[in-house]
């Protein structure tokens, strides 16, 4: 069988004679195959160089990122140290606030608010530590410290709320505690379970104190509270009654004039009436009573401005 051949005709541009070459089909196939092999080798070489360059660039980025991460961890560790110092100072103040509020100090082990126990992550279980022990240890230590300080801050916040609420209640109680002489004058008759009544001329309980003062002398609320009664009551004459809460009620009797109205909120020292001699009285004076849980109590126990007392 005749071998099939390829004819290559080269025609120059300068009108010179053309040249003709004959090559076999097998030779053309071999040339094409060789070209493909050479192209594949060149492509593989270029791809390898590109991969190597990419890995080198990625390695450089990782080194740079690790350096930045280490710097950031050092900065966080420094800030954590400052935060711990601030928490220590707040802890000292918390002890003082609890002391003022009359609360027991927090146990030292509880105050430290450490972390640990089952389920707590360990250094060996940290993924970053497996990749880079030095960097992983720094990150783990910082996270550990921040976790402990977060729990301690929550504990201090809870303690402050407790102390604040306790002080608030105590302040309200003090504000609602009768503590002043409700008018300026002289105590003429003391609290007594049995005394001789000057008008009725017979023994009778005196469930308050009498303060002699000029007619029109201001009558002051002995503590914060709400006016529950204003009106006339037989022996008491014109009377104002104030409920201070916590089971404490004060009464101001024999007034010539009442300046408060039922339901009104009054504060300690606020004028609620004027001294008079209404009701069963032989002269201008204020009859002042303090009731605790409905029982008459000696008002002297609730008068703390002793400098104004005169007998």
C-alpha atoms as a PDB file:
ATOM      1  CA  UNK A   1       0.000   0.000   0.000  1.00  0.00           C
ATOM      2  CA  UNK A   2       1.326   3.467  -0.889  1.00  0.00           C
ATOM      3  CA  UNK A   3       2.235   5.624   2.084  1.00  0.00           C
ATOM      4  CA  UNK A   4       0.051   8.682   2.453  1.00  0.00           C
ATOM      5  CA  UNK A   5       2.035  11.886   2.451  1.00  0.00           C
ATOM      6  CA  UNK A   6       1.437  15.558   3.257  1.00  0.00           C
ATOM      7  CA  UNK A   7       2.670  18.238   0.910  1.00  0.00           C
ATOM      8  CA  UNK A   8       3.770  21.586   2.320  1.00  0.00           C
ATOM      9  CA  UNK A   9       3.880  24.419  -0.171  1.00  0.00           C
ATOM     10  CA  UNK A  10       5.816  27.574   0.787  1.00  0.00           C
ATOM     11  CA  UNK A  11       4.997  30.612  -1.382  1.00  0.00           C
ATOM     12  CA  UNK A  12       7.270  33.647  -0.752  1.00  0.00           C
ATOM     13  CA  UNK A  13       6.075  37.265  -1.096  1.00  0.00           C
ATOM     14  CA  UNK A  14       8.923  38.377  -3.422  1.00  0.00           C
ATOM     15  CA  UNK A  15       7.671  36.423  -6.486  1.00  0.00           C
ATOM     16  CA  UNK A  16      10.506  33.963  -6.271  1.00  0.00           C
ATOM     17  CA  UNK A  17       9.857  30.358  -7.019  1.00  0.00           C
ATOM     18  CA  UNK A  18       7.845  28.477  -4.453  1.00  0.00           C
ATOM     19  CA  UNK A  19       9.166  25.484  -2.535  1.00  0.00           C
ATOM     20  CA  UNK A  20       7.456  22.203  -1.997  1.00  0.00           C
ATOM     21  CA  UNK A  21       8.101  19.656   0.786  1.00  0.00           C
ATOM     22  CA  UNK A  22       6.657  16.226   1.184  1.00  0.00           C
ATOM     23  CA  UNK A  23       6.343  14.647   4.600  1.00  0.00           C
ATOM     24  CA  UNK A  24       4.730  11.443   5.704  1.00  0.00           C
ATOM     25  CA  UNK A  25       1.556  11.349   7.756  1.00  0.00           C
ATOM     26  CA  UNK A  26       3.333   9.481  10.549  1.00  0.00           C
ATOM     27  CA  UNK A  27       5.953  12.194  10.841  1.00  0.00           C
ATOM     28  CA  UNK A  28       3.252  14.858  11.187  1.00  0.00           C
ATOM     29  CA  UNK A  29       1.534  12.863  13.909  1.00  0.00           C
ATOM     30  CA  UNK A  30       4.803  12.417  15.777  1.00  0.00           C
ATOM     31  CA  UNK A  31       5.494  16.151  15.536  1.00  0.00           C
ATOM     32  CA  UNK A  32       2.039  17.018  16.822  1.00  0.00           C
ATOM     33  CA  UNK A  33       2.350  14.548  19.702  1.00  0.00           C
ATOM     34  CA  UNK A  34       5.771  15.928  20.601  1.00  0.00           C
ATOM     35  CA  UNK A  35       4.389  19.437  20.587  1.00  0.00           C
ATOM     36  CA  UNK A  36       1.565  18.448  22.900  1.00  0.00           C
ATOM     37  CA  UNK A  37       3.988  16.755  25.294  1.00  0.00           C
ATOM     38  CA  UNK A  38       6.227  19.809  25.274  1.00  0.00           C
ATOM     39  CA  UNK A  39       3.239  22.077  25.906  1.00  0.00           C
ATOM     40  CA  UNK A  40       2.110  19.882  28.804  1.00  0.00           C
ATOM     41  CA  UNK A  41       5.584  19.984  30.342  1.00  0.00           C
ATOM     42  CA  UNK A  42       5.714  23.759  30.034  1.00  0.00           C
ATOM     43  CA  UNK A  43       2.203  24.122  31.492  1.00  0.00           C
ATOM     44  CA  UNK A  44       3.102  21.882  34.453  1.00  0.00           C
ATOM     45  CA  UNK A  45       6.276  23.860  35.073  1.00  0.00           C
ATOM     46  CA  UNK A  46       4.396  27.181  35.011  1.00  0.00           C
ATOM     47  CA  UNK A  47       1.661  25.799  37.293  1.00  0.00           C
ATOM     48  CA  UNK A  48       4.279  24.521  39.760  1.00  0.00           C
ATOM     49  CA  UNK A  49       5.982  27.909  39.817  1.00  0.00           C
ATOM     50  CA  UNK A  50       2.652  29.634  40.396  1.00  0.00           C
ATOM     51  CA  UNK A  51       1.713  27.237  43.238  1.00  0.00           C
ATOM     52  CA  UNK A  52       5.106  27.692  44.838  1.00  0.00           C
ATOM     53  CA  UNK A  53       4.789  31.464  44.593  1.00  0.00           C
ATOM     54  CA  UNK A  54       1.247  31.310  46.040  1.00  0.00           C
ATOM     55  CA  UNK A  55       2.414  29.149  48.950  1.00  0.00           C
ATOM     56  CA  UNK A  56       5.300  31.502  49.601  1.00  0.00           C
ATOM     57  CA  UNK A  57       2.946  34.503  49.615  1.00  0.00           C
ATOM     58  CA  UNK A  58       0.485  32.650  51.874  1.00  0.00           C
ATOM     59  CA  UNK A  59       3.273  31.689  54.256  1.00  0.00           C
ATOM     60  CA  UNK A  60       4.368  35.315  54.383  1.00  0.00           C
ATOM     61  CA  UNK A  61       0.825  36.422  55.169  1.00  0.00           C
ATOM     62  CA  UNK A  62       0.528  33.807  57.912  1.00  0.00           C
ATOM     63  CA  UNK A  63       3.771  34.979  59.496  1.00  0.00           C
ATOM     64  CA  UNK A  64       2.530  38.564  59.366  1.00  0.00           C
ATOM     65  CA  UNK A  65      -0.900  37.609  60.750  1.00  0.00           C
ATOM     66  CA  UNK A  66       0.711  35.676  63.598  1.00  0.00           C
ATOM     67  CA  UNK A  67       2.860  38.673  64.475  1.00  0.00           C
ATOM     68  CA  UNK A  68      -0.201  40.946  64.476  1.00  0.00           C
ATOM     69  CA  UNK A  69      -2.156  38.402  66.546  1.00  0.00           C
ATOM     70  CA  UNK A  70       0.645  38.142  69.095  1.00  0.00           C
ATOM     71  CA  UNK A  71       0.844  41.924  69.377  1.00  0.00           C
ATOM     72  CA  UNK A  72      -2.931  42.134  69.825  1.00  0.00           C
ATOM     73  CA  UNK A  73      -2.843  39.427  72.529  1.00  0.00           C
ATOM     74  CA  UNK A  74      -0.130  41.332  74.386  1.00  0.00           C
ATOM     75  CA  UNK A  75      -2.244  44.485  74.210  1.00  0.00           C
ATOM     76  CA  UNK A  76      -5.304  42.595  75.496  1.00  0.00           C
ATOM     77  CA  UNK A  77      -3.228  41.079  78.293  1.00  0.00           C
ATOM     78  CA  UNK A  78      -2.100  44.566  79.334  1.00  0.00           C
ATOM     79  CA  UNK A  79      -5.681  45.838  79.287  1.00  0.00           C
ATOM     80  CA  UNK A  80      -6.775  42.793  81.300  1.00  0.00           C
ATOM     81  CA  UNK A  81      -4.184  43.680  83.954  1.00  0.00           C
ATOM     82  CA  UNK A  82      -5.572  47.224  84.140  1.00  0.00           C
ATOM     83  CA  UNK A  83      -9.111  45.846  84.367  1.00  0.00           C
ATOM     84  CA  UNK A  84      -8.089  43.540  87.203  1.00  0.00           C
ATOM     85  CA  UNK A  85      -6.623  46.506  89.102  1.00  0.00           C
ATOM     86  CA  UNK A  86      -9.893  48.406  88.627  1.00  0.00           C
ATOM     87  CA  UNK A  87     -11.902  45.401  89.838  1.00  0.00           C
ATOM     88  CA  UNK A  88      -9.675  45.157  92.917  1.00  0.00           C
ATOM     89  CA  UNK A  89     -10.411  48.812  93.710  1.00  0.00           C
ATOM     90  CA  UNK A  90     -14.140  48.303  93.134  1.00  0.00           C
ATOM     91  CA  UNK A  91     -14.002  45.253  95.384  1.00  0.00           C
ATOM     92  CA  UNK A  92     -12.627  47.384  98.229  1.00  0.00           C
ATOM     93  CA  UNK A  93     -15.384  49.943  97.721  1.00  0.00           C
ATOM     94  CA  UNK A  94     -17.954  47.161  97.654  1.00  0.00           C
ATOM     95  CA  UNK A  95     -16.784  46.045 101.110  1.00  0.00           C
ATOM     96  CA  UNK A  96     -17.276  49.608 102.391  1.00  0.00           C
ATOM     97  CA  UNK A  97     -20.743  49.929 100.827  1.00  0.00           C
ATOM     98  CA  UNK A  98     -21.832  46.599 102.296  1.00  0.00           C
ATOM     99  CA  UNK A  99     -20.522  47.708 105.695  1.00  0.00           C
ATOM    100  CA  UNK A 100     -22.519  50.963 105.467  1.00  0.00           C
ATOM    101  CA  UNK A 101     -25.606  48.997 104.394  1.00  0.00           C
ATOM    102  CA  UNK A 102     -25.173  46.625 107.336  1.00  0.00           C
ATOM    103  CA  UNK A 103     -24.558  43.611 105.093  1.00  0.00           C
ATOM    104  CA  UNK A 104     -22.089  40.801 105.677  1.00  0.00           C
ATOM    105  CA  UNK A 105     -18.960  40.987 103.492  1.00  0.00           C
ATOM    106  CA  UNK A 106     -18.773  38.573 100.568  1.00  0.00           C
ATOM    107  CA  UNK A 107     -16.686  35.497 101.255  1.00  0.00           C
ATOM    108  CA  UNK A 108     -13.177  35.855  99.826  1.00  0.00           C
ATOM    109  CA  UNK A 109     -13.408  32.664  97.765  1.00  0.00           C
ATOM    110  CA  UNK A 110     -16.699  33.819  96.299  1.00  0.00           C
ATOM    111  CA  UNK A 111     -15.310  37.305  95.682  1.00  0.00           C
ATOM    112  CA  UNK A 112     -12.410  35.891  93.665  1.00  0.00           C
ATOM    113  CA  UNK A 113     -15.011  34.311  91.347  1.00  0.00           C
ATOM    114  CA  UNK A 114     -12.508  31.861  89.897  1.00  0.00           C
ATOM    115  CA  UNK A 115     -13.339  29.465  87.095  1.00  0.00           C
ATOM    116  CA  UNK A 116     -12.766  25.747  86.848  1.00  0.00           C
ATOM    117  CA  UNK A 117     -14.439  22.444  87.333  1.00  0.00           C
ATOM    118  CA  UNK A 118     -15.977  19.925  84.927  1.00  0.00           C
ATOM    119  CA  UNK A 119     -16.562  21.182  81.413  1.00  0.00           C
ATOM    120  CA  UNK A 120     -13.968  23.951  81.632  1.00  0.00           C
ATOM    121  CA  UNK A 121     -11.695  24.167  78.583  1.00  0.00           C
ATOM    122  CA  UNK A 122      -8.083  23.192  79.226  1.00  0.00           C
ATOM    123  CA  UNK A 123      -4.941  24.403  77.485  1.00  0.00           C
ATOM    124  CA  UNK A 124      -4.386  21.008  75.859  1.00  0.00           C
ATOM    125  CA  UNK A 125      -7.885  21.048  74.362  1.00  0.00           C
ATOM    126  CA  UNK A 126      -7.351  24.466  72.795  1.00  0.00           C
ATOM    127  CA  UNK A 127      -7.093  24.159  68.978  1.00  0.00           C
ATOM    128  CA  UNK A 128      -4.722  27.108  68.595  1.00  0.00           C
ATOM    129  CA  UNK A 129      -2.346  25.535  71.130  1.00  0.00           C
ATOM    130  CA  UNK A 130      -2.123  22.400  68.972  1.00  0.00           C
ATOM    131  CA  UNK A 131      -1.073  24.545  65.992  1.00  0.00           C
ATOM    132  CA  UNK A 132       1.166  27.040  67.828  1.00  0.00           C
ATOM    133  CA  UNK A 133       1.843  26.217  71.515  1.00  0.00           C
ATOM    134  CA  UNK A 134       3.312  29.626  72.366  1.00  0.00           C
ATOM    135  CA  UNK A 135       0.557  31.627  70.710  1.00  0.00           C
ATOM    136  CA  UNK A 136      -2.113  29.209  71.947  1.00  0.00           C
ATOM    137  CA  UNK A 137      -0.947  29.535  75.560  1.00  0.00           C
ATOM    138  CA  UNK A 138      -1.014  33.344  75.351  1.00  0.00           C
ATOM    139  CA  UNK A 139      -4.542  33.323  73.888  1.00  0.00           C
ATOM    140  CA  UNK A 140      -5.761  30.749  76.428  1.00  0.00           C
ATOM    141  CA  UNK A 141      -4.337  32.709  79.391  1.00  0.00           C
ATOM    142  CA  UNK A 142      -5.914  35.950  78.200  1.00  0.00           C
ATOM    143  CA  UNK A 143      -9.298  34.289  77.656  1.00  0.00           C
ATOM    144  CA  UNK A 144      -9.063  32.611  81.071  1.00  0.00           C
ATOM    145  CA  UNK A 145      -8.346  35.926  82.824  1.00  0.00           C
ATOM    146  CA  UNK A 146     -11.121  37.749  80.962  1.00  0.00           C
ATOM    147  CA  UNK A 147     -13.629  35.004  81.829  1.00  0.00           C
ATOM    148  CA  UNK A 148     -12.719  35.206  85.525  1.00  0.00           C
ATOM    149  CA  UNK A 149     -12.928  39.016  85.543  1.00  0.00           C
ATOM    150  CA  UNK A 150     -16.287  38.953  83.762  1.00  0.00           C
ATOM    151  CA  UNK A 151     -17.713  36.694  86.470  1.00  0.00           C
ATOM    152  CA  UNK A 152     -16.175  38.880  89.167  1.00  0.00           C
ATOM    153  CA  UNK A 153     -17.666  42.023  87.608  1.00  0.00           C
ATOM    154  CA  UNK A 154     -21.107  40.362  87.580  1.00  0.00           C
ATOM    155  CA  UNK A 155     -20.670  39.443  91.238  1.00  0.00           C
ATOM    156  CA  UNK A 156     -19.744  43.036  92.142  1.00  0.00           C
ATOM    157  CA  UNK A 157     -22.699  44.340  90.135  1.00  0.00           C
ATOM    158  CA  UNK A 158     -25.061  42.027  92.025  1.00  0.00           C
ATOM    159  CA  UNK A 159     -23.484  43.012  95.362  1.00  0.00           C
ATOM    160  CA  UNK A 160     -23.839  46.729  94.577  1.00  0.00           C
ATOM    161  CA  UNK A 161     -27.492  46.263  93.663  1.00  0.00           C
ATOM    162  CA  UNK A 162     -28.061  44.484  96.956  1.00  0.00           C
ATOM    163  CA  UNK A 163     -26.281  47.212  98.947  1.00  0.00           C
ATOM    164  CA  UNK A 164     -28.056  49.982  97.028  1.00  0.00           C
ATOM    165  CA  UNK A 165     -31.479  48.406  97.571  1.00  0.00           C
ATOM    166  CA  UNK A 166     -30.726  47.885 101.279  1.00  0.00           C
ATOM    167  CA  UNK A 167     -29.603  51.502 101.689  1.00  0.00           C
ATOM    168  CA  UNK A 168     -32.664  52.701  99.770  1.00  0.00           C
ATOM    169  CA  UNK A 169     -34.983  50.793 102.094  1.00  0.00           C
ATOM    170  CA  UNK A 170     -33.117  52.067 105.150  1.00  0.00           C
ATOM    171  CA  UNK A 171     -33.278  55.628 103.830  1.00  0.00           C
ATOM    172  CA  UNK A 172     -37.018  55.285 103.288  1.00  0.00           C
ATOM    173  CA  UNK A 173     -37.414  53.872 106.786  1.00  0.00           C
ATOM    174  CA  UNK A 174     -35.430  56.731 108.323  1.00  0.00           C
ATOM    175  CA  UNK A 175     -37.352  59.300 106.297  1.00  0.00           C
ATOM    176  CA  UNK A 176     -40.596  57.742 107.578  1.00  0.00           C
ATOM    177  CA  UNK A 177     -39.424  57.653 111.209  1.00  0.00           C
ATOM    178  CA  UNK A 178     -40.750  60.519 113.383  1.00  0.00           C
ATOM    179  CA  UNK A 179     -37.640  62.270 114.683  1.00  0.00           C
ATOM    180  CA  UNK A 180     -38.320  65.934 115.458  1.00  0.00           C
ATOM    181  CA  UNK A 181     -40.332  67.926 117.969  1.00  0.00           C
ATOM    182  CA  UNK A 182     -43.365  68.923 115.873  1.00  0.00           C
ATOM    183  CA  UNK A 183     -43.564  72.467 117.273  1.00  0.00           C
ATOM    184  CA  UNK A 184     -41.334  74.832 119.200  1.00  0.00           C
ATOM    185  CA  UNK A 185     -42.382  75.084 122.811  1.00  0.00           C
ATOM    186  CA  UNK A 186     -42.134  73.538 126.269  1.00  0.00           C
ATOM    187  CA  UNK A 187     -43.221  69.976 127.103  1.00  0.00           C
ATOM    188  CA  UNK A 188     -45.727  70.423 129.922  1.00  0.00           C
ATOM    189  CA  UNK A 189     -47.105  66.904 130.198  1.00  0.00           C
ATOM    190  CA  UNK A 190     -45.363  63.601 129.526  1.00  0.00           C
ATOM    191  CA  UNK A 191     -46.594  60.299 128.149  1.00  0.00           C
ATOM    192  CA  UNK A 192     -48.312  58.278 130.882  1.00  0.00           C
ATOM    193  CA  UNK A 193     -50.519  55.249 131.202  1.00  0.00           C
ATOM    194  CA  UNK A 194     -52.293  56.957 134.125  1.00  0.00           C
ATOM    195  CA  UNK A 195     -52.231  60.642 135.053  1.00  0.00           C
ATOM    196  CA  UNK A 196     -54.573  63.135 136.755  1.00  0.00           C
ATOM    197  CA  UNK A 197     -56.515  65.015 134.103  1.00  0.00           C
ATOM    198  CA  UNK A 198     -56.518  68.765 134.947  1.00  0.00           C
ATOM    199  CA  UNK A 199     -59.992  69.360 133.486  1.00  0.00           C
ATOM    200  CA  UNK A 200     -61.817  66.098 134.177  1.00  0.00           C
ATOM    201  CA  UNK A 201     -60.246  65.963 137.668  1.00  0.00           C
ATOM    202  CA  UNK A 202     -59.774  62.206 137.581  1.00  0.00           C
ATOM    203  CA  UNK A 203     -57.053  59.660 136.533  1.00  0.00           C
ATOM    204  CA  UNK A 204     -56.792  59.081 132.830  1.00  0.00           C
ATOM    205  CA  UNK A 205     -54.209  57.722 130.400  1.00  0.00           C
ATOM    206  CA  UNK A 206     -52.181  60.344 128.547  1.00  0.00           C
ATOM    207  CA  UNK A 207     -51.113  58.667 125.305  1.00  0.00           C
ATOM    208  CA  UNK A 208     -48.901  61.457 124.039  1.00  0.00           C
ATOM    209  CA  UNK A 209     -47.048  64.567 125.164  1.00  0.00           C
ATOM    210  CA  UNK A 210     -48.313  68.139 125.490  1.00  0.00           C
ATOM    211  CA  UNK A 211     -46.156  70.958 124.115  1.00  0.00           C
ATOM    212  CA  UNK A 212     -47.147  74.445 125.298  1.00  0.00           C
ATOM    213  CA  UNK A 213     -46.714  77.077 122.580  1.00  0.00           C
ATOM    214  CA  UNK A 214     -48.246  80.330 121.422  1.00  0.00           C
ATOM    215  CA  UNK A 215     -51.420  80.153 119.393  1.00  0.00           C
ATOM    216  CA  UNK A 216     -50.560  80.049 115.694  1.00  0.00           C
ATOM    217  CA  UNK A 217     -47.131  78.469 116.208  1.00  0.00           C
ATOM    218  CA  UNK A 218     -46.451  76.180 113.207  1.00  0.00           C
ATOM    219  CA  UNK A 219     -47.114  72.454 113.616  1.00  0.00           C
ATOM    220  CA  UNK A 220     -44.611  70.431 111.589  1.00  0.00           C
ATOM    221  CA  UNK A 221     -44.833  66.883 110.231  1.00  0.00           C
ATOM    222  CA  UNK A 222     -42.445  64.730 112.265  1.00  0.00           C
ATOM    223  CA  UNK A 223     -41.527  62.572 109.231  1.00  0.00           C
ATOM    224  CA  UNK A 224     -42.427  61.838 105.626  1.00  0.00           C
ATOM    225  CA  UNK A 225     -45.885  60.364 105.175  1.00  0.00           C
ATOM    226  CA  UNK A 226     -49.431  60.693 103.887  1.00  0.00           C
ATOM    227  CA  UNK A 227     -52.180  62.654 105.658  1.00  0.00           C
ATOM    228  CA  UNK A 228     -54.972  60.218 106.494  1.00  0.00           C
ATOM    229  CA  UNK A 229     -57.297  62.401 108.585  1.00  0.00           C
ATOM    230  CA  UNK A 230     -58.091  66.080 109.093  1.00  0.00           C
ATOM    231  CA  UNK A 231     -61.050  67.017 111.264  1.00  0.00           C
ATOM    232  CA  UNK A 232     -62.507  67.443 114.744  1.00  0.00           C
ATOM    233  CA  UNK A 233     -62.672  64.652 117.291  1.00  0.00           C
ATOM    234  CA  UNK A 234     -64.253  65.405 120.695  1.00  0.00           C
ATOM    235  CA  UNK A 235     -61.396  65.749 123.211  1.00  0.00           C
ATOM    236  CA  UNK A 236     -58.756  66.159 120.485  1.00  0.00           C
ATOM    237  CA  UNK A 237     -60.427  69.148 118.857  1.00  0.00           C
ATOM    238  CA  UNK A 238     -59.051  69.877 115.377  1.00  0.00           C
ATOM    239  CA  UNK A 239     -56.601  67.103 114.609  1.00  0.00           C
ATOM    240  CA  UNK A 240     -54.285  66.055 111.772  1.00  0.00           C
ATOM    241  CA  UNK A 241     -53.223  62.417 111.442  1.00  0.00           C
ATOM    242  CA  UNK A 242     -50.285  61.272 109.272  1.00  0.00           C
ATOM    243  CA  UNK A 243     -49.468  57.686 108.286  1.00  0.00           C
ATOM    244  CA  UNK A 244     -45.700  57.242 107.784  1.00  0.00           C
ATOM    245  CA  UNK A 245     -45.786  53.615 106.763  1.00  0.00           C
ATOM    246  CA  UNK A 246     -43.981  50.756 108.511  1.00  0.00           C
ATOM    247  CA  UNK A 247     -46.840  50.739 111.047  1.00  0.00           C
ATOM    248  CA  UNK A 248     -46.103  54.282 112.300  1.00  0.00           C
ATOM    249  CA  UNK A 249     -48.756  56.989 112.685  1.00  0.00           C
ATOM    250  CA  UNK A 250     -48.556  60.445 114.294  1.00  0.00           C
ATOM    251  CA  UNK A 251     -51.401  62.641 115.574  1.00  0.00           C
ATOM    252  CA  UNK A 252     -51.386  66.428 116.092  1.00  0.00           C
ATOM    253  CA  UNK A 253     -54.340  67.597 118.219  1.00  0.00           C
ATOM    254  CA  UNK A 254     -55.892  70.864 119.556  1.00  0.00           C
ATOM    255  CA  UNK A 255     -54.878  72.751 116.397  1.00  0.00           C
ATOM    256  CA  UNK A 256     -56.385  76.132 115.683  1.00  0.00           C
ATOM    257  CA  UNK A 257     -55.926  75.642 111.967  1.00  0.00           C
ATOM    258  CA  UNK A 258     -55.184  72.678 109.696  1.00  0.00           C
ATOM    259  CA  UNK A 259     -53.132  73.356 106.569  1.00  0.00           C
ATOM    260  CA  UNK A 260     -52.991  69.799 105.221  1.00  0.00           C
ATOM    261  CA  UNK A 261     -55.716  67.811 103.488  1.00  0.00           C
ATOM    262  CA  UNK A 262     -56.439  64.073 103.490  1.00  0.00           C
ATOM    263  CA  UNK A 263     -54.339  62.154 100.961  1.00  0.00           C
ATOM    264  CA  UNK A 264     -51.628  64.814 100.845  1.00  0.00           C
ATOM    265  CA  UNK A 265     -48.003  63.661 100.906  1.00  0.00           C
ATOM    266  CA  UNK A 266     -45.926  65.594 103.409  1.00  0.00           C
ATOM    267  CA  UNK A 267     -42.243  65.670 104.234  1.00  0.00           C
ATOM    268  CA  UNK A 268     -40.500  65.949 107.564  1.00  0.00           C
ATOM    269  CA  UNK A 269     -40.552  69.574 108.749  1.00  0.00           C
ATOM    270  CA  UNK A 270     -43.433  70.607 106.456  1.00  0.00           C
ATOM    271  CA  UNK A 271     -46.064  72.836 108.061  1.00  0.00           C
ATOM    272  CA  UNK A 272     -49.378  71.000 108.440  1.00  0.00           C
ATOM    273  CA  UNK A 273     -51.214  73.211 110.929  1.00  0.00           C
ATOM    274  CA  UNK A 274     -51.039  75.787 113.729  1.00  0.00           C
ATOM    275  CA  UNK A 275     -51.144  75.429 117.511  1.00  0.00           C
ATOM    276  CA  UNK A 276     -54.484  76.185 119.209  1.00  0.00           C
ATOM    277  CA  UNK A 277     -56.729  75.139 122.094  1.00  0.00           C
ATOM    278  CA  UNK A 278     -59.619  73.362 120.367  1.00  0.00           C
ATOM    279  CA  UNK A 279     -61.199  70.365 122.052  1.00  0.00           C
ATOM    280  CA  UNK A 280     -60.582  69.556 125.694  1.00  0.00           C
ATOM    281  CA  UNK A 281     -57.748  72.035 126.431  1.00  0.00           C
ATOM    282  CA  UNK A 282     -57.171  74.741 129.032  1.00  0.00           C
ATOM    283  CA  UNK A 283     -54.805  76.746 126.842  1.00  0.00           C
ATOM    284  CA  UNK A 284     -52.888  76.789 123.564  1.00  0.00           C
ATOM    285  CA  UNK A 285     -50.759  73.663 123.216  1.00  0.00           C
ATOM    286  CA  UNK A 286     -50.104  70.724 120.891  1.00  0.00           C
ATOM    287  CA  UNK A 287     -51.028  67.215 121.942  1.00  0.00           C
ATOM    288  CA  UNK A 288     -48.633  64.943 120.011  1.00  0.00           C
ATOM    289  CA  UNK A 289     -49.042  61.169 119.744  1.00  0.00           C
ATOM    290  CA  UNK A 290     -47.000  58.404 118.092  1.00  0.00           C
ATOM    291  CA  UNK A 291     -48.624  55.042 117.373  1.00  0.00           C
ATOM    292  CA  UNK A 292     -46.587  51.961 116.383  1.00  0.00           C
ATOM    293  CA  UNK A 293     -48.677  49.119 114.923  1.00  0.00           C
ATOM    294  CA  UNK A 294     -51.743  50.779 116.424  1.00  0.00           C
ATOM    295  CA  UNK A 295     -50.355  51.018 119.963  1.00  0.00           C
ATOM    296  CA  UNK A 296     -49.589  54.402 121.610  1.00  0.00           C
ATOM    297  CA  UNK A 297     -45.812  54.795 122.189  1.00  0.00           C
ATOM    298  CA  UNK A 298     -43.897  57.411 124.132  1.00  0.00           C
ATOM    299  CA  UNK A 299     -43.104  60.158 121.582  1.00  0.00           C
ATOM    300  CA  UNK A 300     -39.853  60.884 123.427  1.00  0.00           C
ATOM    301  CA  UNK A 301     -38.443  57.757 121.779  1.00  0.00           C
ATOM    302  CA  UNK A 302     -38.934  59.489 118.439  1.00  0.00           C
ATOM    303  CA  UNK A 303     -37.543  62.933 119.237  1.00  0.00           C
ATOM    304  CA  UNK A 304     -33.878  63.154 118.296  1.00  0.00           C
ATOM    305  CA  UNK A 305     -33.381  66.941 118.254  1.00  0.00           C
ATOM    306  CA  UNK A 306     -32.917  67.004 122.024  1.00  0.00           C
ATOM    307  CA  UNK A 307     -31.520  70.539 121.989  1.00  0.00           C
ATOM    308  CA  UNK A 308     -35.024  71.972 121.514  1.00  0.00           C
ATOM    309  CA  UNK A 309     -36.520  70.093 124.468  1.00  0.00           C
ATOM    310  CA  UNK A 310     -37.281  72.158 127.544  1.00  0.00           C
ATOM    311  CA  UNK A 311     -39.186  71.177 130.659  1.00  0.00           C
END
